[in-house]
Amino acid sequence: MKDALGAFVPGTDVRVQGSAEGPLSGLSFAVKDLFDVAGHVTGCGNPDWAESHAPAESHAWAVRTLLDAGASVAGKTITDEISLGLVGINRHHGTPVNPRARDLVPGGSSSGSASAVAGGVVDFALGTDSGGSVRTPASFCGLYGLRPTHGRIPVEGLMTQAPSFDTVGYFTRDAGMFARVGSVLLGETIGEDLPPGILVATDCFGIADAAVTDALRPVLDRLRAVVPETRDCRLADDGAIADWSRHQLVLQSTEFQDTFRDWIDRVNPRFSSEVAGAFASDGTVPAEVVESAKAFRIAARERLEGLLDGKRVLCLPTAPIPPIRRDARLSEIRRAVSRVIDLTAIAGLTGSPQVNLPFGWAGGIPIGLSLIGWHGGDAALIGMAKAMEPLLRSKVALPLC
């Protein structure tokens, strides 16, 4: 395969034919290089990880399920190094092109999967989402993207980094395909119903750049016109949204350290400076800090579930910033990641399902709008996205850059 986008892992040729029949027959999909594909090494975006691990003996659950449904694997896609990142830069394998804005990052860590789908190379792609790794590239590349309820889609055969956050997600270009793939991975029929109620998280919009809020304002106006109940609310009723991301980072980074500590000690791998910085300490966090974060997570989930009440969805920007430049300085990358986490931490911390809707544009740059649903409401959330597409999508078709 000619890889003009730089989306696929260099030096690999991973192709698997799907079943002759099935609901996804004839479709192609890409696989983030965290999923096992039998006979191939799962490289995790780092050459020393690839060299220190044997080829997978069997397919990951998600890969096998999609193959059985008739779709075929077209290749393994680049991920941020050991899936640590939200902008899509990999110093070893390169940064995949954002087909919607070639001078800007595609978002990570499922960068290659988003690039391949946005560029029309494959029909859909698998990604993973722990701290925002599907939602961010979906927003930056103008795609539909799902982070499911934590535990809803099996992670068997996935290289997990933070087990209480890791989920299997995916990307598509349109809502019809989004529903088809979701039905297979969830094992449920996807309807097509608008939500009875939408809560617009004003404190989440309040921390977003003006370019983001301006791009999403007309989308919100259309939502208010078609959804029976659309009202404003504050998610963090007795604090700040930054509190959510602060506690999420404590828990996710602690689990991340636990996952990789032994391998780092044994292999002494090559890391880029930004990834090495994450392991500069021994990862020891005071027990009382971890327990405080766990208590906050319980309260945050109760707060969100109470607001949604099994029928409403929370509306917010997927990312508070547009994608940054591919040649951004390290300091800018760090600031961007910190700001993105302020919003992606919400679903990550609470284990809630979230979809990115590619309805906002700022000067030709995609700006994602998100809906967060209640636990287990994944099929309903995907159905809402499908119902909204003809009502909210811009009538102007924007070409690839």
Protein backbone atom coordinates (compact mmCIF):
# COMPACT_ATOMS: atom_id res chain seq x y z
CA MET A 1 0.00 0.00 0.00
CA LYS A 2 1.27 3.48 -0.93
CA ASP A 3 1.21 5.49 2.28
CA ALA A 4 1.10 9.13 1.20
CA LEU A 5 -0.25 10.14 4.62
CA GLY A 6 2.44 8.47 6.71
CA ALA A 7 -0.38 6.82 8.66
CA PHE A 8 0.92 3.25 8.74
CA VAL A 9 3.82 1.83 10.76
CA PRO A 10 6.94 1.96 8.55
CA GLY A 11 8.36 -1.34 7.38
CA THR A 12 5.22 -3.37 8.11
CA ASP A 13 2.78 -5.14 5.82
CA VAL A 14 -0.16 -6.28 7.93
CA ARG A 15 -3.13 -7.36 5.85
CA VAL A 16 -5.79 -9.90 6.80
CA GLN A 17 -8.80 -10.87 4.70
CA GLY A 18 -12.15 -10.80 6.46
CA SER A 19 -14.94 -13.36 6.19
CA ALA A 20 -16.69 -13.68 2.86
CA GLU A 21 -20.02 -12.66 4.37
CA GLY A 22 -21.13 -10.40 7.18
CA PRO A 23 -22.56 -6.97 7.95
CA LEU A 24 -19.21 -5.32 7.15
CA SER A 25 -18.38 -7.43 4.11
CA GLY A 26 -16.17 -5.66 1.58
CA LEU A 27 -15.05 -2.92 3.96
CA SER A 28 -11.46 -2.21 4.98
CA PHE A 29 -10.17 -1.07 8.34
CA ALA A 30 -6.89 -0.01 9.91
CA VAL A 31 -5.65 -1.17 13.30
CA LYS A 32 -3.82 1.01 15.81
CA ASP A 33 -0.49 -0.59 16.68
CA LEU A 34 -1.67 -1.44 20.20
CA PHE A 35 -3.95 -4.27 19.00
CA ASP A 36 -2.66 -7.77 18.41
CA VAL A 37 -2.85 -9.12 14.88
CA ALA A 38 -1.81 -12.78 14.74
CA GLY A 39 1.69 -13.31 13.38
CA HIS A 40 2.78 -9.71 13.82
CA VAL A 41 4.51 -7.83 16.63
CA THR A 42 2.43 -5.22 18.42
CA GLY A 43 4.92 -2.36 18.38
CA CYS A 44 3.23 0.23 20.63
CA GLY A 45 4.94 3.07 18.77
CA ASN A 46 8.41 2.33 20.14
CA PRO A 47 11.14 0.34 18.34
CA ASP A 48 12.54 -1.11 21.55
CA TRP A 49 9.10 -2.37 22.56
CA ALA A 50 8.81 -4.07 19.16
CA GLU A 51 12.27 -5.61 19.44
CA SER A 52 11.63 -6.94 22.95
CA HIS A 53 8.29 -8.64 22.19
CA ALA A 54 7.32 -11.68 20.12
CA PRO A 55 4.65 -11.73 17.40
CA ALA A 56 1.08 -12.09 18.61
CA GLU A 57 -0.33 -15.60 18.59
CA SER A 58 -3.93 -14.53 18.02
CA HIS A 59 -6.02 -11.54 17.03
CA ALA A 60 -7.29 -9.06 19.59
CA TRP A 61 -11.00 -9.44 20.33
CA ALA A 62 -11.95 -6.30 18.41
CA VAL A 63 -9.87 -7.28 15.37
CA ARG A 64 -11.29 -10.80 15.32
CA THR A 65 -14.86 -9.55 15.71
CA LEU A 66 -14.53 -7.15 12.78
CA LEU A 67 -12.87 -9.80 10.60
CA ASP A 68 -15.70 -12.20 11.39
CA ALA A 69 -18.14 -9.49 10.34
CA GLY A 70 -16.52 -9.37 6.90
CA ALA A 71 -14.15 -6.39 7.12
CA SER A 72 -10.49 -6.78 6.14
CA VAL A 73 -7.39 -5.41 7.88
CA ALA A 74 -5.50 -2.98 5.63
CA GLY A 75 -2.58 -2.28 7.96
CA LYS A 76 -1.19 -1.29 11.35
CA THR A 77 -1.29 2.44 12.08
CA ILE A 78 1.09 4.71 13.96
CA THR A 79 0.40 5.57 17.58
CA ASP A 80 2.05 8.12 19.84
CA GLU A 81 4.98 6.42 21.55
CA ILE A 82 3.66 3.73 23.96
CA SER A 83 0.33 5.54 23.50
CA LEU A 84 1.50 8.46 25.65
CA GLY A 85 0.36 11.61 23.89
CA LEU A 86 -2.61 13.53 22.55
CA VAL A 87 -1.23 15.45 19.57
CA GLY A 88 -0.10 12.59 17.29
CA ILE A 89 3.66 13.11 17.16
CA ASN A 90 5.92 10.05 17.11
CA ARG A 91 9.65 10.83 16.98
CA HIS A 92 10.50 7.28 15.83
CA HIS A 93 7.88 6.65 13.13
CA GLY A 94 6.89 10.16 12.12
CA THR A 95 3.72 12.22 12.49
CA PRO A 96 0.80 11.15 10.30
CA VAL A 97 -0.74 13.81 8.08
CA ASN A 98 -3.96 15.50 9.13
CA PRO A 99 -5.77 15.35 5.77
CA ARG A 100 -8.06 18.22 6.78
CA ALA A 101 -5.22 20.55 7.79
CA ARG A 102 -1.83 19.37 6.61
CA ASP A 103 0.20 21.92 8.56
CA LEU A 104 -1.47 20.87 11.82
CA VAL A 105 -1.19 17.77 14.02
CA PRO A 106 -3.72 14.94 13.57
CA GLY A 107 -4.18 14.38 17.31
CA GLY A 108 -3.16 11.28 19.23
CA SER A 109 -2.48 8.75 20.34
CA SER A 110 -4.64 7.06 17.65
CA SER A 111 -3.08 9.40 15.09
CA GLY A 112 -2.47 6.99 12.23
CA SER A 113 -5.96 5.50 12.44
CA ALA A 114 -7.58 8.94 12.28
CA SER A 115 -5.33 9.99 9.40
CA ALA A 116 -6.11 6.87 7.37
CA VAL A 117 -9.87 7.31 7.78
CA ALA A 118 -9.90 11.08 7.19
CA GLY A 119 -7.76 10.59 4.09
CA GLY A 120 -10.11 7.95 2.65
CA VAL A 121 -7.54 5.15 2.70
CA VAL A 122 -9.81 2.85 4.74
CA ASP A 123 -13.51 2.78 5.56
CA PHE A 124 -12.98 2.86 9.34
CA ALA A 125 -10.24 2.27 11.90
CA LEU A 126 -9.69 0.98 15.41
CA GLY A 127 -8.20 3.24 18.04
CA THR A 128 -7.92 3.23 21.81
CA ASP A 129 -8.94 5.87 24.30
CA SER A 130 -7.64 6.19 27.85
CA GLY A 131 -7.24 9.93 28.28
CA GLY A 132 -8.65 11.15 24.97
CA SER A 133 -6.81 9.19 22.28
CA VAL A 134 -9.84 8.67 20.01
CA ARG A 135 -11.77 11.80 20.84
CA THR A 136 -8.90 14.22 20.24
CA PRO A 137 -7.87 12.98 16.76
CA ALA A 138 -11.55 12.66 15.82
CA SER A 139 -11.96 16.34 16.65
CA PHE A 140 -8.76 17.45 14.93
CA CYS A 141 -9.40 15.39 11.76
CA GLY A 142 -13.16 15.95 11.44
CA LEU A 143 -14.34 12.40 12.12
CA TYR A 144 -16.93 10.51 14.09
CA GLY A 145 -15.21 8.84 17.01
CA LEU A 146 -16.38 6.75 19.96
CA ARG A 147 -14.93 6.25 23.40
CA PRO A 148 -17.28 3.57 24.81
CA THR A 149 -18.38 2.98 28.37
CA HIS A 150 -15.35 1.60 30.20
CA GLY A 151 -15.48 -2.22 29.92
CA ARG A 152 -18.25 -2.23 27.31
CA ILE A 153 -16.02 -3.48 24.45
CA PRO A 154 -13.52 -6.21 25.46
CA VAL A 155 -9.86 -5.16 25.57
CA GLU A 156 -8.56 -8.73 25.13
CA GLY A 157 -5.43 -8.59 22.96
CA LEU A 158 -4.94 -4.87 23.51
CA MET A 159 -1.73 -3.45 24.98
CA THR A 160 -3.32 -1.60 27.87
CA GLN A 161 -1.58 1.26 29.64
CA ALA A 162 -3.98 2.26 32.42
CA PRO A 163 -6.51 -0.55 32.96
CA SER A 164 -9.18 1.49 34.74
CA PHE A 165 -9.20 3.98 31.83
CA ASP A 166 -8.42 1.95 28.68
CA THR A 167 -11.17 1.49 26.09
CA VAL A 168 -11.50 0.27 22.50
CA GLY A 169 -12.78 2.99 20.16
CA TYR A 170 -13.07 3.63 16.45
CA PHE A 171 -13.33 6.28 13.70
CA THR A 172 -15.53 6.74 10.63
CA ARG A 173 -16.18 9.55 8.17
CA ASP A 174 -19.98 9.41 8.25
CA ALA A 175 -22.74 8.53 10.68
CA GLY A 176 -24.07 5.58 8.70
CA MET A 177 -20.74 3.78 8.88
CA PHE A 178 -20.42 4.87 12.51
CA ALA A 179 -23.63 2.98 13.30
CA ARG A 180 -22.71 -0.11 11.25
CA VAL A 181 -19.36 -0.59 12.98
CA GLY A 182 -20.82 0.25 16.39
CA SER A 183 -23.52 -2.38 15.99
CA VAL A 184 -20.86 -5.06 15.38
CA LEU A 185 -18.56 -4.06 18.23
CA LEU A 186 -21.41 -3.58 20.71
CA GLY A 187 -23.49 -6.53 19.52
CA GLU A 188 -26.57 -4.28 19.56
CA THR A 189 -28.96 -2.80 17.07
CA ILE A 190 -28.38 0.91 16.61
CA GLY A 191 -31.49 3.06 16.44
CA GLU A 192 -31.79 6.60 15.13
CA ASP A 193 -33.37 8.80 17.77
CA LEU A 194 -32.63 12.32 18.90
CA PRO A 195 -31.98 12.68 22.64
CA PRO A 196 -34.96 13.88 24.69
CA GLY A 197 -32.66 16.28 26.51
CA ILE A 198 -29.24 17.91 26.13
CA LEU A 199 -27.31 19.64 28.88
CA VAL A 200 -24.85 22.23 27.59
CA ALA A 201 -21.86 22.31 29.97
CA THR A 202 -21.21 26.05 30.22
CA ASP A 203 -18.10 25.64 32.36
CA CYS A 204 -16.59 23.35 29.71
CA PHE A 205 -17.34 25.86 26.96
CA GLY A 206 -15.96 28.55 29.26
CA ILE A 207 -12.40 27.19 29.17
CA ALA A 208 -12.33 26.77 25.37
CA ASP A 209 -10.61 29.14 22.94
CA ALA A 210 -12.77 31.68 21.15
CA ALA A 211 -12.12 29.88 17.84
CA VAL A 212 -13.70 26.75 19.31
CA THR A 213 -16.75 28.40 20.86
CA ASP A 214 -17.37 30.53 17.76
CA ALA A 215 -17.24 27.42 15.53
CA LEU A 216 -19.64 25.48 17.75
CA ARG A 217 -22.13 28.26 18.49
CA PRO A 218 -24.15 27.76 15.28
CA VAL A 219 -24.19 24.01 15.89
CA LEU A 220 -25.60 24.58 19.37
CA ASP A 221 -28.23 26.90 17.89
CA ARG A 222 -29.36 24.14 15.54
CA LEU A 223 -29.41 21.65 18.42
CA ARG A 224 -31.65 23.93 20.46
CA ALA A 225 -34.05 24.06 17.53
CA VAL A 226 -34.46 20.29 17.16
CA VAL A 227 -34.05 18.79 20.65
CA PRO A 228 -37.09 19.10 22.95
CA GLU A 229 -35.08 20.08 26.03
CA THR A 230 -31.75 21.85 25.67
CA ARG A 231 -30.57 23.77 28.69
CA ASP A 232 -27.37 25.08 30.22
CA CYS A 233 -25.70 23.58 33.28
CA ARG A 234 -22.43 23.58 35.18
CA LEU A 235 -20.80 20.18 35.37
CA ALA A 236 -18.46 21.09 38.22
CA ASP A 237 -21.13 22.50 40.48
CA ASP A 238 -18.87 23.01 43.51
CA GLY A 239 -15.43 23.41 41.94
CA ALA A 240 -13.58 23.78 38.65
CA ILE A 241 -13.32 21.51 35.63
CA ALA A 242 -9.56 21.48 36.21
CA ASP A 243 -10.20 19.48 39.39
CA TRP A 244 -11.48 16.61 37.24
CA SER A 245 -8.35 16.48 35.11
CA ARG A 246 -6.06 16.83 38.12
CA HIS A 247 -7.50 13.71 39.77
CA GLN A 248 -7.66 11.84 36.49
CA LEU A 249 -3.95 12.45 35.91
CA VAL A 250 -3.07 11.10 39.35
CA LEU A 251 -4.88 7.83 38.68
CA GLN A 252 -3.93 7.36 35.04
CA SER A 253 -0.25 8.22 35.51
CA THR A 254 -0.02 5.89 38.52
CA GLU A 255 -1.41 3.00 36.47
CA PHE A 256 0.77 3.94 33.49
CA GLN A 257 3.89 3.81 35.66
CA ASP A 258 2.87 0.42 37.03
CA THR A 259 2.37 -0.94 33.49
CA PHE A 260 5.75 0.06 32.08
CA ARG A 261 8.08 0.22 35.10
CA ASP A 262 9.46 -3.33 34.84
CA TRP A 263 9.94 -3.16 31.07
CA ILE A 264 11.77 0.16 31.32
CA ASP A 265 14.01 -1.22 34.06
CA ARG A 266 14.88 -4.32 32.01
CA VAL A 267 15.23 -2.82 28.53
CA ASN A 268 16.33 0.80 29.16
CA PRO A 269 14.47 1.81 25.99
CA ARG A 270 14.98 4.80 23.72
CA PHE A 271 12.37 7.46 24.39
CA SER A 272 11.69 10.89 22.95
CA SER A 273 12.23 13.67 25.48
CA GLU A 274 8.54 14.27 26.15
CA VAL A 275 7.88 10.58 26.84
CA ALA A 276 11.05 10.16 28.89
CA GLY A 277 9.92 13.08 31.02
CA ALA A 278 6.84 11.13 32.08
CA PHE A 279 9.12 8.52 33.65
CA ALA A 280 11.63 10.92 35.20
CA SER A 281 10.38 10.05 38.70
CA ASP A 282 9.89 6.58 40.09
CA GLY A 283 6.14 7.02 39.78
CA THR A 284 5.55 6.90 43.51
CA VAL A 285 2.49 8.92 44.49
CA PRO A 286 1.54 9.26 48.16
CA ALA A 287 -1.21 6.81 49.07
CA GLU A 288 -3.43 9.57 50.43
CA VAL A 289 -3.26 11.43 47.10
CA VAL A 290 -4.32 8.30 45.20
CA GLU A 291 -7.15 7.60 47.65
CA SER A 292 -8.35 11.20 47.34
CA ALA A 293 -8.41 10.85 43.56
CA LYS A 294 -10.37 7.59 43.79
CA ALA A 295 -12.92 9.23 46.08
CA PHE A 296 -13.23 12.16 43.67
CA ARG A 297 -13.81 9.73 40.78
CA ILE A 298 -16.74 8.14 42.61
CA ALA A 299 -18.27 11.54 43.35
CA ALA A 300 -17.70 12.74 39.78
CA ARG A 301 -19.43 9.70 38.31
CA GLU A 302 -22.37 10.15 40.67
CA ARG A 303 -22.59 13.82 39.70
CA LEU A 304 -22.58 13.08 35.97
CA GLU A 305 -24.96 10.12 36.16
CA GLY A 306 -27.35 12.20 38.27
CA LEU A 307 -27.40 14.98 35.70
CA LEU A 308 -27.99 12.61 32.78
CA ASP A 309 -30.56 10.43 34.56
CA GLY A 310 -30.31 7.67 31.94
CA LYS A 311 -31.87 9.79 29.19
CA ARG A 312 -30.01 13.08 28.71
CA VAL A 313 -26.59 13.74 27.21
CA LEU A 314 -23.94 16.30 28.14
CA CYS A 315 -22.76 18.58 25.34
CA LEU A 316 -19.27 20.12 25.36
CA PRO A 317 -16.35 20.88 23.05
CA THR A 318 -14.33 17.74 22.40
CA ALA A 319 -11.11 19.73 22.76
CA PRO A 320 -10.82 23.29 24.07
CA ILE A 321 -8.29 24.21 21.37
CA PRO A 322 -7.90 23.72 17.62
CA PRO A 323 -5.05 21.43 16.49
CA ILE A 324 -1.59 22.96 16.88
CA ARG A 325 1.10 23.12 14.19
CA ARG A 326 3.10 20.01 13.33
CA ASP A 327 6.34 21.93 13.99
CA ALA A 328 5.24 23.25 17.40
CA ARG A 329 7.87 23.67 20.09
CA LEU A 330 7.96 21.18 22.96
CA SER A 331 6.64 23.78 25.39
CA GLU A 332 3.63 24.40 23.13
CA ILE A 333 2.97 20.67 22.83
CA ARG A 334 2.95 20.33 26.61
CA ARG A 335 0.53 23.24 27.02
CA ALA A 336 -1.76 21.82 24.35
CA VAL A 337 -1.86 18.39 25.99
CA SER A 338 -2.59 19.92 29.38
CA ARG A 339 -5.50 21.92 28.01
CA VAL A 340 -6.99 19.03 26.03
CA ILE A 341 -6.98 16.81 29.12
CA ASP A 342 -9.08 19.39 30.97
CA LEU A 343 -12.05 18.23 28.87
CA THR A 344 -11.18 14.66 27.87
CA ALA A 345 -10.68 13.79 31.55
CA ILE A 346 -14.43 13.99 32.16
CA ALA A 347 -15.41 10.78 30.36
CA GLY A 348 -12.11 9.13 31.23
CA LEU A 349 -12.50 9.72 34.93
CA THR A 350 -16.16 8.64 35.04
CA GLY A 351 -15.85 5.76 32.56
CA SER A 352 -18.63 7.26 30.45
CA PRO A 353 -19.28 6.87 26.71
CA GLN A 354 -18.55 9.87 24.50
CA VAL A 355 -18.88 10.58 20.78
CA ASN A 356 -17.21 13.26 18.72
CA LEU A 357 -19.46 14.90 16.15
CA PRO A 358 -17.58 16.56 13.23
CA PHE A 359 -19.91 19.51 12.83
CA GLY A 360 -17.76 22.56 13.65
CA TRP A 361 -15.33 24.38 11.39
CA ALA A 362 -13.03 27.34 11.98
CA GLY A 363 -11.45 28.63 8.80
CA GLY A 364 -11.54 25.15 7.26
CA ILE A 365 -10.14 23.49 10.40
CA PRO A 366 -12.33 20.82 12.07
CA ILE A 367 -13.70 21.59 15.53
CA GLY A 368 -15.41 18.68 17.30
CA LEU A 369 -18.56 18.80 19.39
CA SER A 370 -19.01 16.00 21.92
CA LEU A 371 -21.90 14.23 23.56
CA ILE A 372 -21.28 12.27 26.78
CA GLY A 373 -23.89 9.65 27.64
CA TRP A 374 -24.82 7.57 30.62
CA HIS A 375 -23.07 4.30 31.49
CA GLY A 376 -24.14 1.57 29.08
CA GLY A 377 -25.86 4.05 26.78
CA ASP A 378 -23.38 3.52 23.94
CA ALA A 379 -25.87 2.28 21.33
CA ALA A 380 -28.27 5.12 22.10
CA LEU A 381 -25.42 7.64 21.84
CA ILE A 382 -24.35 6.32 18.43
CA GLY A 383 -27.99 6.41 17.33
CA MET A 384 -28.21 10.05 18.39
CA ALA A 385 -25.15 10.86 16.29
CA LYS A 386 -26.78 9.20 13.30
CA ALA A 387 -30.04 11.08 13.82
CA MET A 388 -28.23 14.40 14.13
CA GLU A 389 -26.09 14.14 10.99
CA PRO A 390 -28.66 15.38 8.44
CA LEU A 391 -29.80 18.11 10.83
CA LEU A 392 -26.44 19.50 11.86
CA ARG A 393 -23.88 18.83 9.15
CA SER A 394 -22.86 21.89 7.16
CA LYS A 395 -24.39 22.02 3.70
CA VAL A 396 -20.98 23.03 2.35
CA ALA A 397 -18.73 20.04 1.64
CA LEU A 398 -15.19 21.00 2.59
CA PRO A 399 -12.47 19.39 0.43
CA LEU A 400 -9.37 17.72 1.80
CA CYS A 401 -6.41 20.08 2.09
